[in-house]
Amino acid sequence: MSTHPDVERLLRAGFGVLPLLDRDGVDHALQFWRWGSDRQHLDVVAVFHEDYAVATRLPPQRMWESPLMPMARGPVRSMPFEPLAVAFEQRFQWSPPGDHLRQ
């Protein structure tokens, strides 16, 4: 079985993958996730198209009294899928919240 090279990059970088459903229940995107080594954050990558993927870092706990309240605390990066996957493959790490990806 062959795998898309950018999917393979994220899997090698320790991400799990799930289908991302649209409002009609159609599987139209992929959502990748991985816990940080200290479990103090959750890296999330949503891929909607070869030319559009979004990545952010989330806190480990959700506010369950308002479960749909946005939780992003780090920078949100949108870019084509390939450079984003390559960045994670090359072991880029998220910097503290508010900064950008750095090596």
PDB file of N, CA and C in Angstrom:
ATOM      1  N   MET A   1       0.840  -1.167   0.000  1.00  0.00           N
ATOM      2  CA  MET A   1       0.000   0.000   0.000  1.00  0.00           C
ATOM      3  C   MET A   1       0.892   1.239   0.000  1.00  0.00           C
ATOM      4  N   SER A   2       0.640   2.165  -0.906  1.00  0.00           N
ATOM      5  CA  SER A   2       1.424   3.395  -0.927  1.00  0.00           C
ATOM      6  C   SER A   2       0.672   4.477  -0.167  1.00  0.00           C
ATOM      7  N   THR A   3       1.425   5.388   0.408  1.00  0.00           N
ATOM      8  CA  THR A   3       0.856   6.475   1.183  1.00  0.00           C
ATOM      9  C   THR A   3       1.315   7.786   0.575  1.00  0.00           C
ATOM     10  N   HIS A   4       0.450   8.779   0.614  1.00  0.00           N
ATOM     11  CA  HIS A   4       0.803  10.118   0.154  1.00  0.00           C
ATOM     12  C   HIS A   4       2.066  10.552   0.900  1.00  0.00           C
ATOM     13  N   PRO A   5       3.071  11.121   0.228  1.00  0.00           N
ATOM     14  CA  PRO A   5       4.331  11.429   0.909  1.00  0.00           C
ATOM     15  C   PRO A   5       4.184  12.400   2.076  1.00  0.00           C
ATOM     16  N   ASP A   6       3.283  13.360   1.991  1.00  0.00           N
ATOM     17  CA  ASP A   6       3.126  14.313   3.087  1.00  0.00           C
ATOM     18  C   ASP A   6       2.387  13.695   4.265  1.00  0.00           C
ATOM     19  N   VAL A   7       1.464  12.792   3.992  1.00  0.00           N
ATOM     20  CA  VAL A   7       0.814  12.027   5.068  1.00  0.00           C
ATOM     21  C   VAL A   7       1.873  11.193   5.778  1.00  0.00           C
ATOM     22  N   GLU A   8       2.709  10.543   5.009  1.00  0.00           N
ATOM     23  CA  GLU A   8       3.775   9.711   5.576  1.00  0.00           C
ATOM     24  C   GLU A   8       4.718  10.541   6.440  1.00  0.00           C
ATOM     25  N   ARG A   9       5.032  11.747   6.013  1.00  0.00           N
ATOM     26  CA  ARG A   9       5.916  12.633   6.804  1.00  0.00           C
ATOM     27  C   ARG A   9       5.315  12.898   8.184  1.00  0.00           C
ATOM     28  N   LEU A  10       4.022  13.233   8.220  1.00  0.00           N
ATOM     29  CA  LEU A  10       3.395  13.524   9.509  1.00  0.00           C
ATOM     30  C   LEU A  10       3.280  12.271  10.370  1.00  0.00           C
ATOM     31  N   LEU A  11       2.999  11.139   9.766  1.00  0.00           N
ATOM     32  CA  LEU A  11       2.942   9.893  10.537  1.00  0.00           C
ATOM     33  C   LEU A  11       4.301   9.585  11.151  1.00  0.00           C
ATOM     34  N   ARG A  12       5.371   9.778  10.374  1.00  0.00           N
ATOM     35  CA  ARG A  12       6.726   9.559  10.910  1.00  0.00           C
ATOM     36  C   ARG A  12       7.059  10.553  12.022  1.00  0.00           C
ATOM     37  N   ALA A  13       6.471  11.745  11.976  1.00  0.00           N
ATOM     38  CA  ALA A  13       6.717  12.765  13.001  1.00  0.00           C
ATOM     39  C   ALA A  13       5.883  12.513  14.262  1.00  0.00           C
ATOM     40  N   GLY A  14       5.155  11.395  14.293  1.00  0.00           N
ATOM     41  CA  GLY A  14       4.428  11.018  15.497  1.00  0.00           C
ATOM     42  C   GLY A  14       2.967  11.415  15.539  1.00  0.00           C
ATOM     43  N   PHE A  15       2.409  11.862  14.420  1.00  0.00           N
ATOM     44  CA  PHE A  15       1.011  12.255  14.377  1.00  0.00           C
ATOM     45  C   PHE A  15       0.114  11.052  14.130  1.00  0.00           C
ATOM     46  N   GLY A  16      -1.066  11.066  14.734  1.00  0.00           N
ATOM     47  CA  GLY A  16      -2.154  10.162  14.378  1.00  0.00           C
ATOM     48  C   GLY A  16      -3.020  10.910  13.375  1.00  0.00           C
ATOM     49  N   VAL A  17      -3.894  10.198  12.681  1.00  0.00           N
ATOM     50  CA  VAL A  17      -4.729  10.849  11.678  1.00  0.00           C
ATOM     51  C   VAL A  17      -6.165  10.351  11.772  1.00  0.00           C
ATOM     52  N   LEU A  18      -7.100  11.274  11.569  1.00  0.00           N
ATOM     53  CA  LEU A  18      -8.534  10.976  11.564  1.00  0.00           C
ATOM     54  C   LEU A  18      -9.180  11.691  10.384  1.00  0.00           C
ATOM     55  N   PRO A  19     -10.308  11.167   9.890  1.00  0.00           N
ATOM     56  CA  PRO A  19     -11.044  11.917   8.875  1.00  0.00           C
ATOM     57  C   PRO A  19     -11.666  13.157   9.504  1.00  0.00           C
ATOM     58  N   LEU A  20     -11.807  14.209   8.728  1.00  0.00           N
ATOM     59  CA  LEU A  20     -12.444  15.438   9.195  1.00  0.00           C
ATOM     60  C   LEU A  20     -13.714  15.615   8.377  1.00  0.00           C
ATOM     61  N   LEU A  21     -14.848  15.596   9.056  1.00  0.00           N
ATOM     62  CA  LEU A  21     -16.138  15.634   8.381  1.00  0.00           C
ATOM     63  C   LEU A  21     -16.602  17.059   8.145  1.00  0.00           C
ATOM     64  N   ASP A  22     -17.304  17.265   7.037  1.00  0.00           N
ATOM     65  CA  ASP A  22     -17.925  18.569   6.821  1.00  0.00           C
ATOM     66  C   ASP A  22     -19.317  18.553   7.452  1.00  0.00           C
ATOM     67  N   ARG A  23     -20.059  19.624   7.293  1.00  0.00           N
ATOM     68  CA  ARG A  23     -21.366  19.733   7.960  1.00  0.00           C
ATOM     69  C   ARG A  23     -22.392  18.732   7.467  1.00  0.00           C
ATOM     70  N   ASP A  24     -22.135  18.107   6.306  1.00  0.00           N
ATOM     71  CA  ASP A  24     -23.032  17.079   5.776  1.00  0.00           C
ATOM     72  C   ASP A  24     -22.564  15.666   6.104  1.00  0.00           C
ATOM     73  N   GLY A  25     -21.490  15.562   6.881  1.00  0.00           N
ATOM     74  CA  GLY A  25     -20.980  14.246   7.245  1.00  0.00           C
ATOM     75  C   GLY A  25     -20.077  13.621   6.204  1.00  0.00           C
ATOM     76  N   VAL A  26     -19.655  14.398   5.221  1.00  0.00           N
ATOM     77  CA  VAL A  26     -18.768  13.894   4.174  1.00  0.00           C
ATOM     78  C   VAL A  26     -17.321  14.036   4.631  1.00  0.00           C
ATOM     79  N   ASP A  27     -16.563  12.982   4.468  1.00  0.00           N
ATOM     80  CA  ASP A  27     -15.142  12.970   4.810  1.00  0.00           C
ATOM     81  C   ASP A  27     -14.398  13.738   3.718  1.00  0.00           C
ATOM     82  N   HIS A  28     -14.079  15.003   3.988  1.00  0.00           N
ATOM     83  CA  HIS A  28     -13.468  15.824   2.939  1.00  0.00           C
ATOM     84  C   HIS A  28     -12.096  16.367   3.314  1.00  0.00           C
ATOM     85  N   ALA A  29     -11.578  16.009   4.471  1.00  0.00           N
ATOM     86  CA  ALA A  29     -10.281  16.511   4.907  1.00  0.00           C
ATOM     87  C   ALA A  29      -9.687  15.521   5.905  1.00  0.00           C
ATOM     88  N   LEU A  30      -8.455  15.794   6.308  1.00  0.00           N
ATOM     89  CA  LEU A  30      -7.773  14.973   7.309  1.00  0.00           C
ATOM     90  C   LEU A  30      -7.367  15.842   8.486  1.00  0.00           C
ATOM     91  N   GLN A  31      -7.443  15.267   9.673  1.00  0.00           N
ATOM     92  CA  GLN A  31      -6.968  15.960  10.862  1.00  0.00           C
ATOM     93  C   GLN A  31      -5.895  15.107  11.515  1.00  0.00           C
ATOM     94  N   PHE A  32      -4.719  15.679  11.672  1.00  0.00           N
ATOM     95  CA  PHE A  32      -3.585  15.020  12.310  1.00  0.00           C
ATOM     96  C   PHE A  32      -3.427  15.599  13.704  1.00  0.00           C
ATOM     97  N   TRP A  33      -2.965  14.790  14.636  1.00  0.00           N
ATOM     98  CA  TRP A  33      -2.781  15.243  16.011  1.00  0.00           C
ATOM     99  C   TRP A  33      -1.637  14.476  16.651  1.00  0.00           C
ATOM    100  N   ARG A  34      -0.988  15.130  17.608  1.00  0.00           N
ATOM    101  CA  ARG A  34       0.017  14.448  18.440  1.00  0.00           C
ATOM    102  C   ARG A  34       0.172  15.221  19.739  1.00  0.00           C
ATOM    103  N   TRP A  35       0.409  14.481  20.812  1.00  0.00           N
ATOM    104  CA  TRP A  35       0.702  15.092  22.096  1.00  0.00           C
ATOM    105  C   TRP A  35       2.152  15.527  22.111  1.00  0.00           C
ATOM    106  N   GLY A  36       2.438  16.635  22.785  1.00  0.00           N
ATOM    107  CA  GLY A  36       3.823  17.036  23.027  1.00  0.00           C
ATOM    108  C   GLY A  36       4.474  16.028  23.953  1.00  0.00           C
ATOM    109  N   SER A  37       5.780  15.998  23.962  1.00  0.00           N
ATOM    110  CA  SER A  37       6.487  14.998  24.770  1.00  0.00           C
ATOM    111  C   SER A  37       6.159  15.119  26.256  1.00  0.00           C
ATOM    112  N   ASP A  38       5.820  16.306  26.721  1.00  0.00           N
ATOM    113  CA  ASP A  38       5.474  16.486  28.127  1.00  0.00           C
ATOM    114  C   ASP A  38       3.957  16.486  28.365  1.00  0.00           C
ATOM    115  N   ARG A  39       3.174  16.227  27.315  1.00  0.00           N
ATOM    116  CA  ARG A  39       1.709  16.210  27.348  1.00  0.00           C
ATOM    117  C   ARG A  39       1.129  17.540  27.842  1.00  0.00           C
ATOM    118  N   GLN A  40       1.847  18.625  27.630  1.00  0.00           N
ATOM    119  CA  GLN A  40       1.370  19.947  28.002  1.00  0.00           C
ATOM    120  C   GLN A  40       0.714  20.671  26.832  1.00  0.00           C
ATOM    121  N   HIS A  41       0.710  20.049  25.668  1.00  0.00           N
ATOM    122  CA  HIS A  41       0.076  20.638  24.502  1.00  0.00           C
ATOM    123  C   HIS A  41      -0.285  19.541  23.505  1.00  0.00           C
ATOM    124  N   LEU A  42      -1.180  19.896  22.608  1.00  0.00           N
ATOM    125  CA  LEU A  42      -1.626  19.010  21.548  1.00  0.00           C
ATOM    126  C   LEU A  42      -1.425  19.749  20.230  1.00  0.00           C
ATOM    127  N   ASP A  43      -0.554  19.218  19.361  1.00  0.00           N
ATOM    128  CA  ASP A  43      -0.362  19.794  18.032  1.00  0.00           C
ATOM    129  C   ASP A  43      -1.450  19.249  17.123  1.00  0.00           C
ATOM    130  N   VAL A  44      -2.106  20.140  16.382  1.00  0.00           N
ATOM    131  CA  VAL A  44      -3.199  19.751  15.489  1.00  0.00           C
ATOM    132  C   VAL A  44      -2.937  20.334  14.110  1.00  0.00           C
ATOM    133  N   VAL A  45      -3.094  19.495  13.084  1.00  0.00           N
ATOM    134  CA  VAL A  45      -2.959  19.913  11.686  1.00  0.00           C
ATOM    135  C   VAL A  45      -4.210  19.453  10.957  1.00  0.00           C
ATOM    136  N   ALA A  46      -4.908  20.378  10.324  1.00  0.00           N
ATOM    137  CA  ALA A  46      -6.072  20.041   9.497  1.00  0.00           C
ATOM    138  C   ALA A  46      -5.690  20.306   8.046  1.00  0.00           C
ATOM    139  N   VAL A  47      -5.878  19.310   7.188  1.00  0.00           N
ATOM    140  CA  VAL A  47      -5.512  19.428   5.776  1.00  0.00           C
ATOM    141  C   VAL A  47      -6.782  19.341   4.945  1.00  0.00           C
ATOM    142  N   PHE A  48      -7.085  20.425   4.238  1.00  0.00           N
ATOM    143  CA  PHE A  48      -8.293  20.509   3.432  1.00  0.00           C
ATOM    144  C   PHE A  48      -8.022  20.312   1.947  1.00  0.00           C
ATOM    145  N   HIS A  49      -6.794  20.584   1.522  1.00  0.00           N
ATOM    146  CA  HIS A  49      -6.425  20.513   0.112  1.00  0.00           C
ATOM    147  C   HIS A  49      -4.903  20.563   0.040  1.00  0.00           C
ATOM    148  N   GLU A  50      -4.329  20.147  -1.058  1.00  0.00           N
ATOM    149  CA  GLU A  50      -2.869  20.222  -1.224  1.00  0.00           C
ATOM    150  C   GLU A  50      -2.347  21.626  -0.964  1.00  0.00           C
ATOM    151  N   ASP A  51      -3.162  22.631  -1.279  1.00  0.00           N
ATOM    152  CA  ASP A  51      -2.732  24.017  -1.153  1.00  0.00           C
ATOM    153  C   ASP A  51      -3.184  24.684   0.140  1.00  0.00           C
ATOM    154  N   TYR A  52      -3.871  23.952   1.018  1.00  0.00           N
ATOM    155  CA  TYR A  52      -4.361  24.595   2.231  1.00  0.00           C
ATOM    156  C   TYR A  52      -4.393  23.625   3.401  1.00  0.00           C
ATOM    157  N   ALA A  53      -3.532  23.908   4.364  1.00  0.00           N
ATOM    158  CA  ALA A  53      -3.501  23.175   5.625  1.00  0.00           C
ATOM    159  C   ALA A  53      -3.335  24.202   6.735  1.00  0.00           C
ATOM    160  N   VAL A  54      -3.854  23.893   7.916  1.00  0.00           N
ATOM    161  CA  VAL A  54      -3.785  24.784   9.060  1.00  0.00           C
ATOM    162  C   VAL A  54      -3.211  23.995  10.234  1.00  0.00           C
ATOM    163  N   ALA A  55      -2.296  24.632  10.982  1.00  0.00           N
ATOM    164  CA  ALA A  55      -1.704  23.975  12.144  1.00  0.00           C
ATOM    165  C   ALA A  55      -1.761  24.914  13.334  1.00  0.00           C
ATOM    166  N   THR A  56      -1.954  24.332  14.516  1.00  0.00           N
ATOM    167  CA  THR A  56      -1.914  25.102  15.757  1.00  0.00           C
ATOM    168  C   THR A  56      -1.532  24.184  16.902  1.00  0.00           C
ATOM    169  N   ARG A  57      -1.371  24.786  18.052  1.00  0.00           N
ATOM    170  CA  ARG A  57      -1.087  24.046  19.285  1.00  0.00           C
ATOM    171  C   ARG A  57      -2.198  24.365  20.270  1.00  0.00           C
ATOM    172  N   LEU A  58      -2.745  23.333  20.885  1.00  0.00           N
ATOM    173  CA  LEU A  58      -3.852  23.489  21.817  1.00  0.00           C
ATOM    174  C   LEU A  58      -3.439  23.090  23.224  1.00  0.00           C
ATOM    175  N   PRO A  59      -4.105  23.649  24.238  1.00  0.00           N
ATOM    176  CA  PRO A  59      -3.828  23.227  25.617  1.00  0.00           C
ATOM    177  C   PRO A  59      -4.363  21.812  25.831  1.00  0.00           C
ATOM    178  N   PRO A  60      -3.853  21.116  26.854  1.00  0.00           N
ATOM    179  CA  PRO A  60      -4.288  19.738  27.070  1.00  0.00           C
ATOM    180  C   PRO A  60      -5.697  19.600  27.630  1.00  0.00           C
ATOM    181  N   GLN A  61      -6.241  20.660  28.202  1.00  0.00           N
ATOM    182  CA  GLN A  61      -7.574  20.575  28.810  1.00  0.00           C
ATOM    183  C   GLN A  61      -8.552  21.484  28.086  1.00  0.00           C
ATOM    184  N   ARG A  62      -9.731  20.983  27.825  1.00  0.00           N
ATOM    185  CA  ARG A  62     -10.802  21.786  27.222  1.00  0.00           C
ATOM    186  C   ARG A  62     -11.707  22.277  28.344  1.00  0.00           C
ATOM    187  N   MET A  63     -12.264  23.460  28.168  1.00  0.00           N
ATOM    188  CA  MET A  63     -13.221  23.997  29.137  1.00  0.00           C
ATOM    189  C   MET A  63     -14.579  23.361  28.829  1.00  0.00           C
ATOM    190  N   TRP A  64     -14.926  22.300  29.561  1.00  0.00           N
ATOM    191  CA  TRP A  64     -16.119  21.515  29.220  1.00  0.00           C
ATOM    192  C   TRP A  64     -17.421  22.237  29.491  1.00  0.00           C
ATOM    193  N   GLU A  65     -17.406  23.302  30.288  1.00  0.00           N
ATOM    194  CA  GLU A  65     -18.633  24.082  30.463  1.00  0.00           C
ATOM    195  C   GLU A  65     -18.959  24.881  29.201  1.00  0.00           C
ATOM    196  N   SER A  66     -17.960  25.123  28.342  1.00  0.00           N
ATOM    197  CA  SER A  66     -18.145  25.787  27.041  1.00  0.00           C
ATOM    198  C   SER A  66     -17.325  25.025  26.008  1.00  0.00           C
ATOM    199  N   PRO A  67     -17.727  23.796  25.671  1.00  0.00           N
ATOM    200  CA  PRO A  67     -16.867  22.924  24.866  1.00  0.00           C
ATOM    201  C   PRO A  67     -16.595  23.417  23.442  1.00  0.00           C
ATOM    202  N   LEU A  68     -17.394  24.319  22.915  1.00  0.00           N
ATOM    203  CA  LEU A  68     -17.170  24.798  21.552  1.00  0.00           C
ATOM    204  C   LEU A  68     -16.439  26.134  21.513  1.00  0.00           C
ATOM    205  N   MET A  69     -16.020  26.622  22.669  1.00  0.00           N
ATOM    206  CA  MET A  69     -15.240  27.855  22.711  1.00  0.00           C
ATOM    207  C   MET A  69     -13.863  27.583  22.105  1.00  0.00           C
ATOM    208  N   PRO A  70     -13.378  28.457  21.232  1.00  0.00           N
ATOM    209  CA  PRO A  70     -12.043  28.246  20.637  1.00  0.00           C
ATOM    210  C   PRO A  70     -10.966  28.130  21.714  1.00  0.00           C
ATOM    211  N   MET A  71     -10.023  27.200  21.498  1.00  0.00           N
ATOM    212  CA  MET A  71      -9.006  26.918  22.508  1.00  0.00           C
ATOM    213  C   MET A  71      -7.583  27.203  22.047  1.00  0.00           C
ATOM    214  N   ALA A  72      -7.382  27.645  20.819  1.00  0.00           N
ATOM    215  CA  ALA A  72      -6.013  27.842  20.329  1.00  0.00           C
ATOM    216  C   ALA A  72      -5.285  28.841  21.214  1.00  0.00           C
ATOM    217  N   ARG A  73      -4.079  28.477  21.621  1.00  0.00           N
ATOM    218  CA  ARG A  73      -3.283  29.405  22.411  1.00  0.00           C
ATOM    219  C   ARG A  73      -1.968  29.721  21.717  1.00  0.00           C
ATOM    220  N   GLY A  74      -1.643  28.935  20.717  1.00  0.00           N
ATOM    221  CA  GLY A  74      -0.421  29.172  19.968  1.00  0.00           C
ATOM    222  C   GLY A  74      -0.738  29.823  18.642  1.00  0.00           C
ATOM    223  N   PRO A  75       0.281  30.065  17.858  1.00  0.00           N
ATOM    224  CA  PRO A  75       0.036  30.663  16.550  1.00  0.00           C
ATOM    225  C   PRO A  75      -0.697  29.687  15.646  1.00  0.00           C
ATOM    226  N   VAL A  76      -1.526  30.207  14.783  1.00  0.00           N
ATOM    227  CA  VAL A  76      -2.195  29.396  13.775  1.00  0.00           C
ATOM    228  C   VAL A  76      -1.458  29.646  12.476  1.00  0.00           C
ATOM    229  N   ARG A  77      -1.023  28.585  11.846  1.00  0.00           N
ATOM    230  CA  ARG A  77      -0.276  28.704  10.599  1.00  0.00           C
ATOM    231  C   ARG A  77      -1.078  28.064   9.484  1.00  0.00           C
ATOM    232  N   SER A  78      -1.335  28.814   8.424  1.00  0.00           N
ATOM    233  CA  SER A  78      -1.933  28.215   7.234  1.00  0.00           C
ATOM    234  C   SER A  78      -0.905  28.279   6.117  1.00  0.00           C
ATOM    235  N   MET A  79      -0.805  27.199   5.366  1.00  0.00           N
ATOM    236  CA  MET A  79       0.163  27.096   4.282  1.00  0.00           C
ATOM    237  C   MET A  79      -0.158  25.862   3.459  1.00  0.00           C
ATOM    238  N   PRO A  80       0.472  25.701   2.304  1.00  0.00           N
ATOM    239  CA  PRO A  80       0.285  24.456   1.557  1.00  0.00           C
ATOM    240  C   PRO A  80       0.719  23.252   2.399  1.00  0.00           C
ATOM    241  N   PHE A  81       0.116  22.119   2.129  1.00  0.00           N
ATOM    242  CA  PHE A  81       0.343  20.902   2.908  1.00  0.00           C
ATOM    243  C   PHE A  81       1.810  20.477   2.905  1.00  0.00           C
ATOM    244  N   GLU A  82       2.446  20.455   1.744  1.00  0.00           N
ATOM    245  CA  GLU A  82       3.809  19.918   1.664  1.00  0.00           C
ATOM    246  C   GLU A  82       4.809  20.659   2.553  1.00  0.00           C
ATOM    247  N   PRO A  83       4.922  21.998   2.492  1.00  0.00           N
ATOM    248  CA  PRO A  83       5.912  22.646   3.365  1.00  0.00           C
ATOM    249  C   PRO A  83       5.607  22.468   4.852  1.00  0.00           C
ATOM    250  N   LEU A  84       4.340  22.375   5.196  1.00  0.00           N
ATOM    251  CA  LEU A  84       3.986  22.153   6.591  1.00  0.00           C
ATOM    252  C   LEU A  84       4.444  20.765   7.030  1.00  0.00           C
ATOM    253  N   ALA A  85       4.167  19.754   6.206  1.00  0.00           N
ATOM    254  CA  ALA A  85       4.583  18.382   6.536  1.00  0.00           C
ATOM    255  C   ALA A  85       6.098  18.274   6.593  1.00  0.00           C
ATOM    256  N   VAL A  86       6.794  18.922   5.674  1.00  0.00           N
ATOM    257  CA  VAL A  86       8.256  18.897   5.666  1.00  0.00           C
ATOM    258  C   VAL A  86       8.803  19.540   6.936  1.00  0.00           C
ATOM    259  N   ALA A  87       8.197  20.644   7.375  1.00  0.00           N
ATOM    260  CA  ALA A  87       8.657  21.314   8.591  1.00  0.00           C
ATOM    261  C   ALA A  87       8.575  20.382   9.796  1.00  0.00           C
ATOM    262  N   PHE A  88       7.467  19.657   9.941  1.00  0.00           N
ATOM    263  CA  PHE A  88       7.352  18.720  11.057  1.00  0.00           C
ATOM    264  C   PHE A  88       8.310  17.543  10.894  1.00  0.00           C
ATOM    265  N   GLU A  89       8.477  17.081   9.670  1.00  0.00           N
ATOM    266  CA  GLU A  89       9.395  15.968   9.427  1.00  0.00           C
ATOM    267  C   GLU A  89      10.825  16.351   9.814  1.00  0.00           C
ATOM    268  N   GLN A  90      11.187  17.594   9.586  1.00  0.00           N
ATOM    269  CA  GLN A  90      12.544  18.046   9.906  1.00  0.00           C
ATOM    270  C   GLN A  90      12.680  18.435  11.368  1.00  0.00           C
ATOM    271  N   ARG A  91      11.698  18.031  12.150  1.00  0.00           N
ATOM    272  CA  ARG A  91      11.712  18.205  13.599  1.00  0.00           C
ATOM    273  C   ARG A  91      11.651  19.660  14.036  1.00  0.00           C
ATOM    274  N   PHE A  92      10.945  20.470  13.258  1.00  0.00           N
ATOM    275  CA  PHE A  92      10.663  21.816  13.733  1.00  0.00           C
ATOM    276  C   PHE A  92       9.781  21.669  14.956  1.00  0.00           C
ATOM    277  N   GLN A  93       9.976  22.512  15.923  1.00  0.00           N
ATOM    278  CA  GLN A  93       9.176  22.484  17.138  1.00  0.00           C
ATOM    279  C   GLN A  93       8.427  23.798  17.253  1.00  0.00           C
ATOM    280  N   TRP A  94       7.259  23.742  17.851  1.00  0.00           N
ATOM    281  CA  TRP A  94       6.531  24.977  18.114  1.00  0.00           C
ATOM    282  C   TRP A  94       7.275  25.736  19.194  1.00  0.00           C
ATOM    283  N   SER A  95       7.371  27.019  19.033  1.00  0.00           N
ATOM    284  CA  SER A  95       7.944  27.874  20.058  1.00  0.00           C
ATOM    285  C   SER A  95       6.840  28.248  21.037  1.00  0.00           C
ATOM    286  N   PRO A  96       7.143  28.991  22.066  1.00  0.00           N
ATOM    287  CA  PRO A  96       6.096  29.377  23.016  1.00  0.00           C
ATOM    288  C   PRO A  96       4.929  30.066  22.316  1.00  0.00           C
ATOM    289  N   PRO A  97       3.735  30.019  22.923  1.00  0.00           N
ATOM    290  CA  PRO A  97       2.562  30.618  22.302  1.00  0.00           C
ATOM    291  C   PRO A  97       2.825  32.044  21.825  1.00  0.00           C
ATOM    292  N   GLY A  98       2.329  32.336  20.611  1.00  0.00           N
ATOM    293  CA  GLY A  98       2.466  33.665  20.038  1.00  0.00           C
ATOM    294  C   GLY A  98       3.651  33.783  19.098  1.00  0.00           C
ATOM    295  N   ASP A  99       4.584  32.832  19.134  1.00  0.00           N
ATOM    296  CA  ASP A  99       5.725  32.865  18.226  1.00  0.00           C
ATOM    297  C   ASP A  99       5.415  31.995  17.016  1.00  0.00           C
ATOM    298  N   HIS A 100       6.411  31.787  16.180  1.00  0.00           N
ATOM    299  CA  HIS A 100       6.238  30.983  14.973  1.00  0.00           C
ATOM    300  C   HIS A 100       6.993  29.672  15.095  1.00  0.00           C
ATOM    301  N   LEU A 101       6.842  28.830  14.081  1.00  0.00           N
ATOM    302  CA  LEU A 101       7.606  27.587  14.051  1.00  0.00           C
ATOM    303  C   LEU A 101       9.092  27.934  14.020  1.00  0.00           C
ATOM    304  N   ARG A 102       9.863  27.158  14.711  1.00  0.00           N
ATOM    305  CA  ARG A 102      11.307  27.366  14.672  1.00  0.00           C
ATOM    306  C   ARG A 102      11.991  26.018  14.714  1.00  0.00           C
ATOM    307  N   GLN A 103      13.239  25.978  14.286  1.00  0.00           N
ATOM    308  CA  GLN A 103      13.964  24.726  14.243  1.00  0.00           C
ATOM    309  C   GLN A 103      14.623  24.465  15.567  1.00  0.00           C
TER     310      GLN A 103
END
